[in-house]
Amino acid sequence: MSPSPESTHGKLVLVSAGIGDADNITLKGLKAIQNADLILAMPFVERQLQKYLPRGVPILDAGHGLFSSLGRRGDNQLKTQYQEDQIRHRIREAIDKGLSVVVVEFGDPTLFGPQSGYLTEFRDLKPTVIPGISSFNAANALLGQSLLHDTQQRLLMTTVHGLADYKGTLPDILVLFTMQLEIPQLSQRLLSLYPSDTSVVLIFHAGFSANQQRIHLQLDALVNTSKQLDIPWECMIYVGAIHDV
């Protein structure tokens, strides 16, 4: 008697490797990786997790922002399309053979993650998501305070670009995910929303224990202070009811 299709069908798993240090990955995520038949990860994530990866298992470059608008920025659209076609073929071929395919995400695939496009592209495969420590979680830990300790508090998470046209009620705490940060424009926008003495905290390299940094300042000092800093792409900004520690 031949096995039923359900028993031979493979599975697609998106695993959060956590943000920062390699040991920020969860035990559940680590188990999924070690049981994988095919792994997809960005090269620096592969290097980061090298000691945890199973030997002999093929590893493909997962790309950055594939199957989403993030991956289609820039001029090399043909290269992106080719990479997506190759990955699409390899994943579906492996699933049809009953194999376990793991896409490893740096951060969390459900929160501003570069591999979130896999969730929509392969929705028909009903991918499993194993969550982990996102940059938001790691930054909160470095911040050292509860963000929603009062039932009346309002918290808003968005990107710098998402803030541009914001017209809603101001939250008690605003959390900004940043990429390609333009401090002067951001400062001008924040000053149009908040008083100049509003607390601002910059979190650099959240989750990287050797390099993470927390800088507390007032909103009106943001531009001048930023000129003295080398702001990395791993930067999160908190605005509002933040205490200095």
C-alpha atoms as a PDB file:
ATOM      1  CA  MET A   1       0.000   0.000   0.000  1.00  0.00           C
ATOM      2  CA  SER A   2       1.485   3.331  -1.036  1.00  0.00           C
ATOM      3  CA  PRO A   3       1.713   6.097   1.559  1.00  0.00           C
ATOM      4  CA  SER A   4      -0.890   8.828   1.496  1.00  0.00           C
ATOM      5  CA  PRO A   5       0.102  12.218   0.036  1.00  0.00           C
ATOM      6  CA  GLU A   6      -0.060  13.744   3.514  1.00  0.00           C
ATOM      7  CA  SER A   7       2.486  11.286   4.906  1.00  0.00           C
ATOM      8  CA  THR A   8       5.023  11.959   2.128  1.00  0.00           C
ATOM      9  CA  HIS A   9       4.558  15.704   1.869  1.00  0.00           C
ATOM     10  CA  GLY A  10       7.447  17.740   3.208  1.00  0.00           C
ATOM     11  CA  LYS A  11       7.317  20.849   5.334  1.00  0.00           C
ATOM     12  CA  LEU A  12       8.541  24.413   5.136  1.00  0.00           C
ATOM     13  CA  VAL A  13       9.707  26.059   8.355  1.00  0.00           C
ATOM     14  CA  LEU A  14      10.769  29.662   8.927  1.00  0.00           C
ATOM     15  CA  VAL A  15      13.116  29.762  11.886  1.00  0.00           C
ATOM     16  CA  SER A  16      14.147  32.854  13.778  1.00  0.00           C
ATOM     17  CA  ALA A  17      17.857  32.713  14.520  1.00  0.00           C
ATOM     18  CA  GLY A  18      17.347  35.558  16.938  1.00  0.00           C
ATOM     19  CA  ILE A  19      19.066  38.888  16.538  1.00  0.00           C
ATOM     20  CA  GLY A  20      22.709  39.440  17.394  1.00  0.00           C
ATOM     21  CA  ASP A  21      24.736  36.725  19.119  1.00  0.00           C
ATOM     22  CA  ALA A  22      24.514  33.188  17.736  1.00  0.00           C
ATOM     23  CA  ASP A  23      23.275  31.784  21.052  1.00  0.00           C
ATOM     24  CA  ASN A  24      20.163  33.963  20.903  1.00  0.00           C
ATOM     25  CA  ILE A  25      18.493  31.230  18.858  1.00  0.00           C
ATOM     26  CA  THR A  26      15.820  29.216  20.692  1.00  0.00           C
ATOM     27  CA  LEU A  27      16.129  25.495  21.395  1.00  0.00           C
ATOM     28  CA  LYS A  28      13.111  24.849  19.171  1.00  0.00           C
ATOM     29  CA  GLY A  29      14.682  26.790  16.317  1.00  0.00           C
ATOM     30  CA  LEU A  30      17.980  24.969  16.768  1.00  0.00           C
ATOM     31  CA  LYS A  31      16.227  21.590  16.660  1.00  0.00           C
ATOM     32  CA  ALA A  32      14.443  22.505  13.420  1.00  0.00           C
ATOM     33  CA  ILE A  33      17.730  23.528  11.790  1.00  0.00           C
ATOM     34  CA  GLN A  34      19.517  20.363  12.860  1.00  0.00           C
ATOM     35  CA  ASN A  35      16.686  18.215  11.449  1.00  0.00           C
ATOM     36  CA  ALA A  36      16.548  20.050   8.110  1.00  0.00           C
ATOM     37  CA  ASP A  37      17.147  18.436   4.718  1.00  0.00           C
ATOM     38  CA  LEU A  38      17.596  21.792   2.974  1.00  0.00           C
ATOM     39  CA  ILE A  39      18.531  25.125   4.572  1.00  0.00           C
ATOM     40  CA  LEU A  40      18.197  28.638   3.185  1.00  0.00           C
ATOM     41  CA  ALA A  41      20.027  31.488   4.910  1.00  0.00           C
ATOM     42  CA  MET A  42      21.783  34.710   4.057  1.00  0.00           C
ATOM     43  CA  PRO A  43      25.583  34.196   3.950  1.00  0.00           C
ATOM     44  CA  PHE A  44      26.302  36.158   7.131  1.00  0.00           C
ATOM     45  CA  VAL A  45      23.599  34.189   8.973  1.00  0.00           C
ATOM     46  CA  GLU A  46      25.203  30.965   7.760  1.00  0.00           C
ATOM     47  CA  ARG A  47      28.557  32.145   9.129  1.00  0.00           C
ATOM     48  CA  GLN A  48      26.929  33.230  12.382  1.00  0.00           C
ATOM     49  CA  LEU A  49      25.369  29.806  12.969  1.00  0.00           C
ATOM     50  CA  GLN A  50      28.156  27.703  11.471  1.00  0.00           C
ATOM     51  CA  LYS A  51      28.729  25.590  14.578  1.00  0.00           C
ATOM     52  CA  TYR A  52      25.027  24.708  14.785  1.00  0.00           C
ATOM     53  CA  LEU A  53      24.457  23.692  11.158  1.00  0.00           C
ATOM     54  CA  PRO A  54      24.191  19.972  10.340  1.00  0.00           C
ATOM     55  CA  ARG A  55      26.968  18.538   8.194  1.00  0.00           C
ATOM     56  CA  GLY A  56      26.181  17.447   4.668  1.00  0.00           C
ATOM     57  CA  VAL A  57      22.949  19.424   4.388  1.00  0.00           C
ATOM     58  CA  PRO A  58      22.813  21.742   1.344  1.00  0.00           C
ATOM     59  CA  ILE A  59      22.602  25.445   2.183  1.00  0.00           C
ATOM     60  CA  LEU A  60      21.260  28.003  -0.286  1.00  0.00           C
ATOM     61  CA  ASP A  61      21.483  31.779  -0.144  1.00  0.00           C
ATOM     62  CA  ALA A  62      18.045  32.942   1.029  1.00  0.00           C
ATOM     63  CA  GLY A  63      18.608  36.426  -0.378  1.00  0.00           C
ATOM     64  CA  HIS A  64      17.422  39.619   1.259  1.00  0.00           C
ATOM     65  CA  GLY A  65      13.798  40.613   0.908  1.00  0.00           C
ATOM     66  CA  LEU A  66      13.018  38.105  -1.834  1.00  0.00           C
ATOM     67  CA  PHE A  67       9.360  37.632  -2.802  1.00  0.00           C
ATOM     68  CA  SER A  68       8.617  41.129  -1.473  1.00  0.00           C
ATOM     69  CA  SER A  69       8.986  44.771  -2.491  1.00  0.00           C
ATOM     70  CA  LEU A  70      12.157  44.978  -0.376  1.00  0.00           C
ATOM     71  CA  GLY A  71      13.949  42.610  -2.744  1.00  0.00           C
ATOM     72  CA  ARG A  72      12.924  44.628  -5.789  1.00  0.00           C
ATOM     73  CA  ARG A  73      14.655  47.824  -4.797  1.00  0.00           C
ATOM     74  CA  GLY A  74      17.636  48.792  -6.904  1.00  0.00           C
ATOM     75  CA  ASP A  75      18.490  48.163 -10.529  1.00  0.00           C
ATOM     76  CA  ASN A  76      19.235  44.441 -10.707  1.00  0.00           C
ATOM     77  CA  GLN A  77      15.679  43.178 -11.153  1.00  0.00           C
ATOM     78  CA  LEU A  78      16.667  40.337 -13.478  1.00  0.00           C
ATOM     79  CA  LYS A  79      19.072  38.907 -10.910  1.00  0.00           C
ATOM     80  CA  THR A  80      16.379  39.063  -8.241  1.00  0.00           C
ATOM     81  CA  GLN A  81      13.867  37.341 -10.514  1.00  0.00           C
ATOM     82  CA  TYR A  82      16.368  34.615 -11.377  1.00  0.00           C
ATOM     83  CA  GLN A  83      17.183  33.990  -7.714  1.00  0.00           C
ATOM     84  CA  GLU A  84      13.492  33.826  -6.821  1.00  0.00           C
ATOM     85  CA  ASP A  85      12.829  31.341  -9.645  1.00  0.00           C
ATOM     86  CA  GLN A  86      15.685  29.104  -8.504  1.00  0.00           C
ATOM     87  CA  ILE A  87      14.601  29.153  -4.865  1.00  0.00           C
ATOM     88  CA  ARG A  88      10.960  28.595  -5.773  1.00  0.00           C
ATOM     89  CA  HIS A  89      11.939  25.508  -7.758  1.00  0.00           C
ATOM     90  CA  ARG A  90      14.258  24.076  -5.079  1.00  0.00           C
ATOM     91  CA  ILE A  91      11.786  24.537  -2.241  1.00  0.00           C
ATOM     92  CA  ARG A  92       8.815  23.049  -4.062  1.00  0.00           C
ATOM     93  CA  GLU A  93      10.897  20.174  -5.386  1.00  0.00           C
ATOM     94  CA  ALA A  94      12.122  19.363  -1.868  1.00  0.00           C
ATOM     95  CA  ILE A  95       8.626  19.589  -0.399  1.00  0.00           C
ATOM     96  CA  ASP A  96       7.277  17.243  -3.091  1.00  0.00           C
ATOM     97  CA  LYS A  97       9.961  14.735  -2.073  1.00  0.00           C
ATOM     98  CA  GLY A  98       8.828  14.863   1.543  1.00  0.00           C
ATOM     99  CA  LEU A  99      11.845  16.798   2.800  1.00  0.00           C
ATOM    100  CA  SER A 100      12.113  19.378   5.564  1.00  0.00           C
ATOM    101  CA  VAL A 101      13.055  22.842   4.274  1.00  0.00           C
ATOM    102  CA  VAL A 102      14.185  25.478   6.764  1.00  0.00           C
ATOM    103  CA  VAL A 103      14.511  29.186   5.993  1.00  0.00           C
ATOM    104  CA  VAL A 104      16.624  30.841   8.673  1.00  0.00           C
ATOM    105  CA  GLU A 105      15.709  34.426   9.503  1.00  0.00           C
ATOM    106  CA  PHE A 106      17.971  36.934  11.234  1.00  0.00           C
ATOM    107  CA  GLY A 107      15.575  38.427  13.744  1.00  0.00           C
ATOM    108  CA  ASP A 108      11.946  37.370  13.476  1.00  0.00           C
ATOM    109  CA  PRO A 109      10.185  36.622  10.155  1.00  0.00           C
ATOM    110  CA  THR A 110       6.920  38.158  11.356  1.00  0.00           C
ATOM    111  CA  LEU A 111       8.350  41.501  12.513  1.00  0.00           C
ATOM    112  CA  PHE A 112      10.112  43.593   9.865  1.00  0.00           C
ATOM    113  CA  GLY A 113      12.160  40.585   8.797  1.00  0.00           C
ATOM    114  CA  PRO A 114      13.940  40.285   5.417  1.00  0.00           C
ATOM    115  CA  GLN A 115      12.496  36.801   4.812  1.00  0.00           C
ATOM    116  CA  SER A 116       8.834  37.674   5.405  1.00  0.00           C
ATOM    117  CA  GLY A 117       8.195  37.311   1.658  1.00  0.00           C
ATOM    118  CA  TYR A 118       8.537  33.538   1.996  1.00  0.00           C
ATOM    119  CA  LEU A 119       5.356  33.507   4.079  1.00  0.00           C
ATOM    120  CA  THR A 120       3.271  34.944   1.244  1.00  0.00           C
ATOM    121  CA  GLU A 121       5.031  33.236  -1.670  1.00  0.00           C
ATOM    122  CA  PHE A 122       4.641  29.768  -0.133  1.00  0.00           C
ATOM    123  CA  ARG A 123       1.381  30.303   1.714  1.00  0.00           C
ATOM    124  CA  ASP A 124      -0.130  27.251   0.018  1.00  0.00           C
ATOM    125  CA  LEU A 125       2.507  25.096   1.748  1.00  0.00           C
ATOM    126  CA  LYS A 126       1.278  26.317   5.149  1.00  0.00           C
ATOM    127  CA  PRO A 127       4.746  27.158   6.483  1.00  0.00           C
ATOM    128  CA  THR A 128       5.447  26.832  10.174  1.00  0.00           C
ATOM    129  CA  VAL A 129       7.004  29.826  11.924  1.00  0.00           C
ATOM    130  CA  ILE A 130       9.320  29.317  14.888  1.00  0.00           C
ATOM    131  CA  PRO A 131       9.599  32.737  16.526  1.00  0.00           C
ATOM    132  CA  GLY A 132      12.615  34.094  18.299  1.00  0.00           C
ATOM    133  CA  ILE A 133      14.292  37.214  19.604  1.00  0.00           C
ATOM    134  CA  SER A 134      13.615  40.123  17.273  1.00  0.00           C
ATOM    135  CA  SER A 135      15.516  43.408  17.296  1.00  0.00           C
ATOM    136  CA  PHE A 136      12.519  44.828  19.172  1.00  0.00           C
ATOM    137  CA  ASN A 137      12.877  42.220  21.948  1.00  0.00           C
ATOM    138  CA  ALA A 138      16.625  42.716  22.225  1.00  0.00           C
ATOM    139  CA  ALA A 139      16.336  46.506  22.230  1.00  0.00           C
ATOM    140  CA  ASN A 140      13.665  46.373  24.941  1.00  0.00           C
ATOM    141  CA  ALA A 141      15.994  44.320  27.123  1.00  0.00           C
ATOM    142  CA  LEU A 142      18.728  46.924  26.740  1.00  0.00           C
ATOM    143  CA  LEU A 143      16.198  49.686  27.371  1.00  0.00           C
ATOM    144  CA  GLY A 144      15.545  48.140  30.766  1.00  0.00           C
ATOM    145  CA  GLN A 145      11.932  49.156  31.304  1.00  0.00           C
ATOM    146  CA  SER A 146       8.439  47.847  30.702  1.00  0.00           C
ATOM    147  CA  LEU A 147       6.759  49.518  27.750  1.00  0.00           C
ATOM    148  CA  LEU A 148       3.164  48.590  28.545  1.00  0.00           C
ATOM    149  CA  HIS A 149       2.976  48.412  32.336  1.00  0.00           C
ATOM    150  CA  ASP A 150      -0.243  50.457  32.356  1.00  0.00           C
ATOM    151  CA  THR A 151      -3.441  49.348  30.610  1.00  0.00           C
ATOM    152  CA  GLN A 152      -3.996  52.920  29.404  1.00  0.00           C
ATOM    153  CA  GLN A 153      -0.629  53.220  27.672  1.00  0.00           C
ATOM    154  CA  ARG A 154      -0.354  53.398  23.893  1.00  0.00           C
ATOM    155  CA  LEU A 155       2.575  51.958  21.964  1.00  0.00           C
ATOM    156  CA  LEU A 156       3.179  52.441  18.247  1.00  0.00           C
ATOM    157  CA  MET A 157       5.748  50.520  16.220  1.00  0.00           C
ATOM    158  CA  THR A 158       6.485  51.659  12.685  1.00  0.00           C
ATOM    159  CA  THR A 159       9.313  52.515  10.318  1.00  0.00           C
ATOM    160  CA  VAL A 160      10.806  55.938   9.701  1.00  0.00           C
ATOM    161  CA  HIS A 161       8.991  56.021   6.361  1.00  0.00           C
ATOM    162  CA  GLY A 162       5.756  54.923   8.017  1.00  0.00           C
ATOM    163  CA  LEU A 163       5.941  57.940  10.307  1.00  0.00           C
ATOM    164  CA  ALA A 164       6.009  60.417   7.426  1.00  0.00           C
ATOM    165  CA  ASP A 165       2.231  60.613   6.940  1.00  0.00           C
ATOM    166  CA  TYR A 166       1.123  59.613  10.434  1.00  0.00           C
ATOM    167  CA  LYS A 167      -1.912  61.588  11.586  1.00  0.00           C
ATOM    168  CA  GLY A 168      -3.248  59.448  14.428  1.00  0.00           C
ATOM    169  CA  THR A 169      -3.220  59.968  18.186  1.00  0.00           C
ATOM    170  CA  LEU A 170       0.306  60.280  19.515  1.00  0.00           C
ATOM    171  CA  PRO A 171       1.384  57.174  21.417  1.00  0.00           C
ATOM    172  CA  ASP A 172       3.009  57.305  24.837  1.00  0.00           C
ATOM    173  CA  ILE A 173       5.961  55.479  23.305  1.00  0.00           C
ATOM    174  CA  LEU A 174       6.915  55.468  19.640  1.00  0.00           C
ATOM    175  CA  VAL A 175       9.277  52.737  18.420  1.00  0.00           C
ATOM    176  CA  LEU A 176      10.966  53.185  15.054  1.00  0.00           C
ATOM    177  CA  PHE A 177      12.651  50.495  12.987  1.00  0.00           C
ATOM    178  CA  THR A 178      15.299  52.231  10.912  1.00  0.00           C
ATOM    179  CA  MET A 179      17.118  51.598   7.667  1.00  0.00           C
ATOM    180  CA  GLN A 180      18.861  54.233   5.542  1.00  0.00           C
ATOM    181  CA  LEU A 181      18.344  56.691   8.384  1.00  0.00           C
ATOM    182  CA  GLU A 182      18.211  60.433   7.658  1.00  0.00           C
ATOM    183  CA  ILE A 183      18.419  62.068  11.087  1.00  0.00           C
ATOM    184  CA  PRO A 184      17.722  65.710  10.061  1.00  0.00           C
ATOM    185  CA  GLN A 185      14.482  64.797   8.282  1.00  0.00           C
ATOM    186  CA  LEU A 186      13.450  62.446  11.078  1.00  0.00           C
ATOM    187  CA  SER A 187      14.198  65.053  13.739  1.00  0.00           C
ATOM    188  CA  GLN A 188      12.144  67.656  11.905  1.00  0.00           C
ATOM    189  CA  ARG A 189       9.211  65.258  11.658  1.00  0.00           C
ATOM    190  CA  LEU A 190       9.404  64.290  15.341  1.00  0.00           C
ATOM    191  CA  LEU A 191       9.593  67.938  16.417  1.00  0.00           C
ATOM    192  CA  SER A 192       6.366  68.555  14.518  1.00  0.00           C
ATOM    193  CA  LEU A 193       4.723  65.894  16.698  1.00  0.00           C
ATOM    194  CA  TYR A 194       6.438  66.076  20.099  1.00  0.00           C
ATOM    195  CA  PRO A 195       7.765  68.784  22.468  1.00  0.00           C
ATOM    196  CA  SER A 196      11.471  69.528  22.086  1.00  0.00           C
ATOM    197  CA  ASP A 197      12.312  68.104  25.539  1.00  0.00           C
ATOM    198  CA  THR A 198      10.787  64.691  24.750  1.00  0.00           C
ATOM    199  CA  SER A 199      13.013  61.741  25.661  1.00  0.00           C
ATOM    200  CA  VAL A 200      14.670  59.862  22.809  1.00  0.00           C
ATOM    201  CA  VAL A 201      16.699  56.674  23.119  1.00  0.00           C
ATOM    202  CA  LEU A 202      18.900  55.274  20.365  1.00  0.00           C
ATOM    203  CA  ILE A 203      19.661  51.556  20.563  1.00  0.00           C
ATOM    204  CA  PHE A 204      22.619  50.356  18.494  1.00  0.00           C
ATOM    205  CA  HIS A 205      23.450  46.710  17.682  1.00  0.00           C
ATOM    206  CA  ALA A 206      20.691  45.245  19.874  1.00  0.00           C
ATOM    207  CA  GLY A 207      21.403  41.613  20.726  1.00  0.00           C
ATOM    208  CA  PHE A 208      25.128  41.826  19.991  1.00  0.00           C
ATOM    209  CA  SER A 209      26.356  41.707  23.579  1.00  0.00           C
ATOM    210  CA  ALA A 210      29.850  42.998  22.775  1.00  0.00           C
ATOM    211  CA  ASN A 211      28.675  46.034  20.789  1.00  0.00           C
ATOM    212  CA  GLN A 212      25.143  46.974  21.819  1.00  0.00           C
ATOM    213  CA  GLN A 213      24.741  50.533  23.030  1.00  0.00           C
ATOM    214  CA  ARG A 214      22.017  52.714  24.556  1.00  0.00           C
ATOM    215  CA  ILE A 215      22.072  56.509  24.137  1.00  0.00           C
ATOM    216  CA  HIS A 216      19.537  58.719  25.933  1.00  0.00           C
ATOM    217  CA  LEU A 217      18.973  62.342  24.892  1.00  0.00           C
ATOM    218  CA  GLN A 218      16.329  64.999  24.346  1.00  0.00           C
ATOM    219  CA  LEU A 219      14.639  65.357  20.996  1.00  0.00           C
ATOM    220  CA  ASP A 220      16.064  68.829  20.361  1.00  0.00           C
ATOM    221  CA  ALA A 221      19.594  67.403  20.716  1.00  0.00           C
ATOM    222  CA  LEU A 222      19.065  64.560  18.246  1.00  0.00           C
ATOM    223  CA  VAL A 223      20.602  66.218  15.188  1.00  0.00           C
ATOM    224  CA  ASN A 224      23.726  67.557  16.909  1.00  0.00           C
ATOM    225  CA  THR A 225      24.325  64.330  18.821  1.00  0.00           C
ATOM    226  CA  SER A 226      23.910  62.207  15.690  1.00  0.00           C
ATOM    227  CA  LYS A 227      26.715  64.161  13.977  1.00  0.00           C
ATOM    228  CA  GLN A 228      29.106  62.814  16.599  1.00  0.00           C
ATOM    229  CA  LEU A 229      27.970  59.214  16.185  1.00  0.00           C
ATOM    230  CA  ASP A 230      28.519  56.529  13.595  1.00  0.00           C
ATOM    231  CA  ILE A 231      24.923  55.313  13.442  1.00  0.00           C
ATOM    232  CA  PRO A 232      24.742  51.675  12.262  1.00  0.00           C
ATOM    233  CA  TRP A 233      21.929  50.122  10.270  1.00  0.00           C
ATOM    234  CA  GLU A 234      21.109  48.073  13.395  1.00  0.00           C
ATOM    235  CA  CYS A 235      19.484  51.048  15.080  1.00  0.00           C
ATOM    236  CA  MET A 236      16.136  51.381  16.822  1.00  0.00           C
ATOM    237  CA  ILE A 237      14.718  54.624  18.147  1.00  0.00           C
ATOM    238  CA  TYR A 238      12.363  55.049  21.100  1.00  0.00           C
ATOM    239  CA  VAL A 239      10.502  58.323  21.583  1.00  0.00           C
ATOM    240  CA  GLY A 240       8.277  59.388  24.464  1.00  0.00           C
ATOM    241  CA  ALA A 241       7.837  58.082  28.007  1.00  0.00           C
ATOM    242  CA  ILE A 242      11.312  56.575  28.330  1.00  0.00           C
ATOM    243  CA  HIS A 243      13.282  56.772  31.578  1.00  0.00           C
ATOM    244  CA  ASP A 244      17.023  57.284  31.758  1.00  0.00           C
ATOM    245  CA  VAL A 245      18.897  54.524  33.594  1.00  0.00           C
END
